[in-house]
N, C-alpha and C. Protein backbone atom coordinates (compact mmCIF):
# COMPACT_ATOMS: atom_id res chain seq x y z
N UNK A 1 0.00 -13.95 13.78
CA UNK A 1 0.58 -12.92 13.20
C UNK A 1 -0.30 -12.22 12.31
N UNK A 2 -0.44 -10.94 12.44
CA UNK A 2 -1.31 -10.12 11.65
C UNK A 2 -0.56 -9.27 10.67
N UNK A 3 -0.96 -8.99 9.48
CA UNK A 3 -0.28 -8.08 8.45
C UNK A 3 -1.30 -7.03 8.18
N UNK A 4 -0.85 -5.79 8.20
CA UNK A 4 -1.47 -4.65 7.69
C UNK A 4 -1.03 -4.17 6.36
N UNK A 5 -1.86 -4.21 5.39
CA UNK A 5 -1.49 -3.78 4.03
C UNK A 5 -1.89 -2.41 3.88
N UNK A 6 -0.98 -1.45 3.74
CA UNK A 6 -1.25 -0.03 3.66
C UNK A 6 -1.12 0.42 2.11
N UNK A 7 -2.19 0.85 1.63
CA UNK A 7 -2.34 1.25 0.21
C UNK A 7 -2.35 2.78 0.27
N UNK A 8 -1.06 3.30 -0.32
CA UNK A 8 -0.95 4.75 -0.33
C UNK A 8 -0.67 5.31 -1.80
N UNK A 9 -0.80 6.60 -2.08
CA UNK A 9 -0.44 7.23 -3.16
C UNK A 9 -1.62 7.77 -3.89
N UNK A 10 -1.39 8.37 -5.15
CA UNK A 10 -2.56 8.95 -5.78
C UNK A 10 -3.43 7.78 -6.48
N UNK A 11 -4.63 7.97 -6.63
CA UNK A 11 -5.57 6.91 -7.10
C UNK A 11 -5.49 6.84 -8.62
N UNK A 12 -4.65 7.58 -9.31
CA UNK A 12 -4.66 7.59 -10.83
C UNK A 12 -4.28 6.23 -11.37
N UNK A 13 -3.64 5.34 -10.76
CA UNK A 13 -3.14 4.02 -11.33
C UNK A 13 -4.17 2.93 -10.81
N UNK A 14 -5.12 3.23 -9.99
CA UNK A 14 -5.87 2.24 -9.35
C UNK A 14 -6.41 1.17 -10.32
N UNK A 15 -7.04 1.58 -11.42
CA UNK A 15 -7.70 0.68 -12.38
C UNK A 15 -6.64 -0.26 -12.93
N UNK A 16 -5.51 0.14 -13.16
CA UNK A 16 -4.39 -0.60 -13.66
C UNK A 16 -3.86 -1.61 -12.75
N UNK A 17 -3.73 -1.28 -11.52
CA UNK A 17 -3.13 -2.24 -10.47
C UNK A 17 -4.03 -2.95 -9.59
N UNK A 18 -5.31 -2.67 -9.64
CA UNK A 18 -6.34 -3.17 -8.68
C UNK A 18 -6.36 -4.68 -8.69
N UNK A 19 -6.37 -5.36 -9.85
CA UNK A 19 -6.37 -6.81 -9.84
C UNK A 19 -5.09 -7.35 -9.37
N UNK A 20 -3.97 -6.75 -9.57
CA UNK A 20 -2.59 -7.25 -9.22
C UNK A 20 -2.58 -7.06 -7.73
N UNK A 21 -3.00 -6.01 -7.03
CA UNK A 21 -2.96 -5.84 -5.63
C UNK A 21 -3.94 -6.84 -5.02
N UNK A 22 -5.03 -7.06 -5.65
CA UNK A 22 -6.02 -8.07 -5.10
C UNK A 22 -5.47 -9.48 -5.04
N UNK A 23 -4.66 -9.79 -6.06
CA UNK A 23 -3.98 -11.13 -6.09
C UNK A 23 -3.12 -11.23 -4.88
N UNK A 24 -2.36 -10.19 -4.58
CA UNK A 24 -1.43 -10.16 -3.43
C UNK A 24 -2.26 -10.38 -2.18
N UNK A 25 -3.32 -9.68 -2.06
CA UNK A 25 -4.22 -9.75 -0.85
C UNK A 25 -4.71 -11.11 -0.73
N UNK A 26 -5.27 -11.66 -1.74
CA UNK A 26 -5.80 -13.03 -1.69
C UNK A 26 -4.86 -14.07 -1.37
N UNK A 27 -3.63 -13.94 -1.91
CA UNK A 27 -2.56 -14.93 -1.66
C UNK A 27 -2.12 -14.87 -0.23
N UNK A 28 -1.92 -13.66 0.31
CA UNK A 28 -1.47 -13.49 1.63
C UNK A 28 -2.57 -14.03 2.69
N UNK A 29 -3.80 -13.69 2.29
CA UNK A 29 -4.96 -14.08 3.27
C UNK A 29 -5.07 -15.56 3.40
N UNK A 30 -4.51 -16.28 2.50
CA UNK A 30 -4.58 -17.84 2.58
C UNK A 30 -3.67 -18.31 3.74
N UNK A 31 -2.67 -17.55 4.10
CA UNK A 31 -1.72 -17.93 5.12
C UNK A 31 -1.68 -17.08 6.40
N UNK A 32 -2.18 -15.85 6.23
CA UNK A 32 -2.14 -14.89 7.32
C UNK A 32 -3.35 -14.09 7.52
N UNK A 33 -3.59 -13.56 8.67
CA UNK A 33 -4.70 -12.61 8.93
C UNK A 33 -4.18 -11.34 8.33
N UNK A 34 -4.94 -10.74 7.56
CA UNK A 34 -4.46 -9.43 6.94
C UNK A 34 -5.66 -8.33 7.15
N UNK A 35 -5.30 -7.17 7.11
CA UNK A 35 -6.32 -6.03 7.10
C UNK A 35 -5.68 -5.01 6.12
N UNK A 36 -6.56 -4.62 5.28
CA UNK A 36 -6.31 -3.63 4.20
C UNK A 36 -6.63 -2.23 4.59
N UNK A 37 -5.74 -1.32 4.44
CA UNK A 37 -5.95 0.04 4.76
C UNK A 37 -5.86 0.85 3.57
N UNK A 38 -6.94 1.52 3.05
CA UNK A 38 -7.01 2.20 1.85
C UNK A 38 -6.66 3.75 2.09
N UNK A 39 -5.49 4.21 1.89
CA UNK A 39 -5.01 5.56 1.97
C UNK A 39 -4.88 6.24 0.66
N UNK A 40 -5.41 5.64 -0.39
CA UNK A 40 -5.27 6.33 -1.70
C UNK A 40 -5.90 7.74 -1.72
N UNK A 41 -5.28 8.61 -2.41
CA UNK A 41 -5.85 10.00 -2.43
C UNK A 41 -6.21 10.33 -3.87
N UNK A 42 -7.16 11.22 -4.08
CA UNK A 42 -7.56 11.61 -5.40
C UNK A 42 -6.64 12.66 -5.96
N UNK A 43 -6.08 13.46 -5.09
CA UNK A 43 -5.14 14.52 -5.40
C UNK A 43 -4.11 14.80 -4.36
N UNK A 44 -3.29 15.88 -4.55
CA UNK A 44 -2.34 16.24 -3.57
C UNK A 44 -2.93 16.45 -2.09
N UNK A 45 -2.18 16.17 -1.19
CA UNK A 45 -2.57 16.37 0.28
C UNK A 45 -2.16 17.82 0.56
N UNK A 46 -3.09 18.64 0.85
CA UNK A 46 -2.83 20.04 1.16
C UNK A 46 -1.99 20.27 2.42
N UNK A 47 -2.14 19.27 3.32
CA UNK A 47 -1.36 19.36 4.60
C UNK A 47 0.04 18.85 4.46
N UNK A 48 0.51 18.37 3.31
CA UNK A 48 1.86 17.75 3.17
C UNK A 48 2.78 18.98 2.90
N UNK A 49 3.86 19.09 3.72
CA UNK A 49 4.70 20.21 3.58
C UNK A 49 5.85 20.01 2.46
N UNK A 50 5.72 18.89 1.79
CA UNK A 50 6.84 18.68 0.69
C UNK A 50 6.25 18.79 -0.68
N UNK A 51 7.20 19.08 -1.57
CA UNK A 51 6.70 19.14 -3.00
C UNK A 51 7.57 18.26 -3.95
N UNK A 52 8.38 17.31 -3.37
CA UNK A 52 9.16 16.29 -4.15
C UNK A 52 8.56 14.93 -3.91
N UNK A 53 8.46 14.04 -4.99
CA UNK A 53 7.77 12.74 -4.88
C UNK A 53 8.30 11.93 -3.75
N UNK A 54 9.60 11.67 -3.62
CA UNK A 54 10.16 10.91 -2.63
C UNK A 54 9.87 11.30 -1.12
N UNK A 55 9.87 12.62 -0.96
CA UNK A 55 9.56 13.19 0.33
C UNK A 55 8.02 13.00 0.61
N UNK A 56 7.32 13.14 -0.44
CA UNK A 56 5.77 12.97 -0.26
C UNK A 56 5.41 11.60 0.04
N UNK A 57 6.21 10.63 -0.52
CA UNK A 57 6.03 9.20 -0.23
C UNK A 57 6.28 8.82 1.16
N UNK A 58 7.45 9.31 1.69
CA UNK A 58 7.70 9.16 3.11
C UNK A 58 6.80 9.76 4.02
N UNK A 59 6.26 11.02 3.76
CA UNK A 59 5.30 11.76 4.47
C UNK A 59 3.95 10.87 4.59
N UNK A 60 3.54 10.35 3.37
CA UNK A 60 2.38 9.48 3.26
C UNK A 60 2.42 8.22 4.18
N UNK A 61 3.59 7.66 4.14
CA UNK A 61 3.90 6.47 4.88
C UNK A 61 3.77 6.67 6.39
N UNK A 62 4.48 7.69 6.87
CA UNK A 62 4.51 7.96 8.36
C UNK A 62 3.12 8.46 8.72
N UNK A 63 2.44 9.13 7.93
CA UNK A 63 1.08 9.69 8.34
C UNK A 63 0.08 8.42 8.46
N UNK A 64 0.15 7.56 7.53
CA UNK A 64 -0.69 6.43 7.48
C UNK A 64 -0.26 5.27 8.55
N UNK A 65 0.95 5.14 8.78
CA UNK A 65 1.50 4.17 9.78
C UNK A 65 1.05 4.35 11.07
N UNK A 66 0.63 5.54 11.47
CA UNK A 66 0.08 5.79 12.78
C UNK A 66 -1.25 5.16 13.00
N UNK A 67 -1.89 4.78 11.95
CA UNK A 67 -3.18 4.16 12.01
C UNK A 67 -3.21 2.62 11.75
N UNK A 68 -2.09 2.05 11.48
CA UNK A 68 -1.88 0.59 11.25
C UNK A 68 -1.24 -0.02 12.47
N UNK A 69 -1.95 -1.00 13.06
CA UNK A 69 -1.47 -1.57 14.29
C UNK A 69 -1.05 -3.08 14.19
N UNK A 70 -1.03 -3.69 13.09
CA UNK A 70 -0.71 -5.05 12.99
C UNK A 70 0.80 -5.30 13.22
N UNK A 71 1.21 -6.57 13.27
CA UNK A 71 2.53 -6.94 13.62
C UNK A 71 3.43 -6.54 12.45
N UNK A 72 2.99 -6.71 11.23
CA UNK A 72 3.82 -6.42 10.09
C UNK A 72 3.08 -5.40 9.10
N UNK A 73 3.81 -4.44 8.58
CA UNK A 73 3.13 -3.53 7.67
C UNK A 73 3.76 -3.72 6.24
N UNK A 74 2.94 -3.87 5.28
CA UNK A 74 3.29 -3.87 3.92
C UNK A 74 2.69 -2.64 3.26
N UNK A 75 3.64 -1.81 2.73
CA UNK A 75 3.23 -0.57 1.98
C UNK A 75 3.17 -0.83 0.56
N UNK A 76 1.97 -0.64 -0.04
CA UNK A 76 1.78 -0.69 -1.52
C UNK A 76 1.36 0.54 -2.09
N UNK A 77 2.08 1.18 -3.05
CA UNK A 77 1.78 2.35 -3.68
C UNK A 77 0.85 1.99 -4.87
N UNK A 78 0.02 2.97 -5.20
CA UNK A 78 -1.00 2.84 -6.20
C UNK A 78 -0.29 2.60 -7.52
N UNK A 79 0.90 2.96 -7.66
CA UNK A 79 1.56 2.60 -9.04
C UNK A 79 2.47 1.47 -9.07
N UNK A 80 2.48 0.63 -8.11
CA UNK A 80 3.36 -0.57 -8.02
C UNK A 80 2.59 -1.75 -8.57
N UNK A 81 3.29 -2.45 -9.50
CA UNK A 81 2.69 -3.67 -10.13
C UNK A 81 3.73 -4.85 -9.81
N UNK A 82 3.23 -5.86 -9.13
CA UNK A 82 4.16 -6.99 -8.72
C UNK A 82 4.21 -8.00 -9.83
N UNK A 83 5.31 -8.62 -10.02
CA UNK A 83 5.45 -9.66 -10.98
C UNK A 83 5.30 -10.98 -10.31
N UNK A 84 5.17 -12.10 -11.09
CA UNK A 84 5.07 -13.32 -10.55
C UNK A 84 6.15 -13.74 -9.56
N UNK A 85 7.44 -13.38 -9.79
CA UNK A 85 8.58 -13.61 -9.01
C UNK A 85 8.43 -12.80 -7.81
N UNK A 86 7.86 -11.68 -7.76
CA UNK A 86 7.60 -10.87 -6.49
C UNK A 86 6.66 -11.59 -5.59
N UNK A 87 5.59 -12.25 -6.17
CA UNK A 87 4.68 -13.05 -5.45
C UNK A 87 5.37 -14.21 -4.79
N UNK A 88 6.22 -14.82 -5.51
CA UNK A 88 6.95 -15.99 -5.02
C UNK A 88 7.78 -15.60 -3.70
N UNK A 89 8.42 -14.38 -3.89
CA UNK A 89 9.19 -13.96 -2.70
C UNK A 89 8.41 -13.56 -1.52
N UNK A 90 7.36 -12.78 -1.79
CA UNK A 90 6.56 -12.30 -0.65
C UNK A 90 5.85 -13.37 -0.03
N UNK A 91 5.24 -14.32 -0.75
CA UNK A 91 4.28 -15.30 -0.23
C UNK A 91 4.94 -16.60 -0.03
């Protein structure tokens, strides 16, 4: 079973969440084959027809998911920080 980890969203929180996301990737890679897809953006996507955050997140997901072919997809936004309990549940 392969897992595709799709990283989406604006790159503005990358320095804050980088080590947290790496911990998730390292933990998962001990048990599963993973591939990391970096879809972080530096700024707004000019081709996105939406102007509200929730709609933009869905747009980013569907656009990126066409390029991910693993059995399982995990979407991680750039502003998500996982707690220890979240690691226990996911891993």
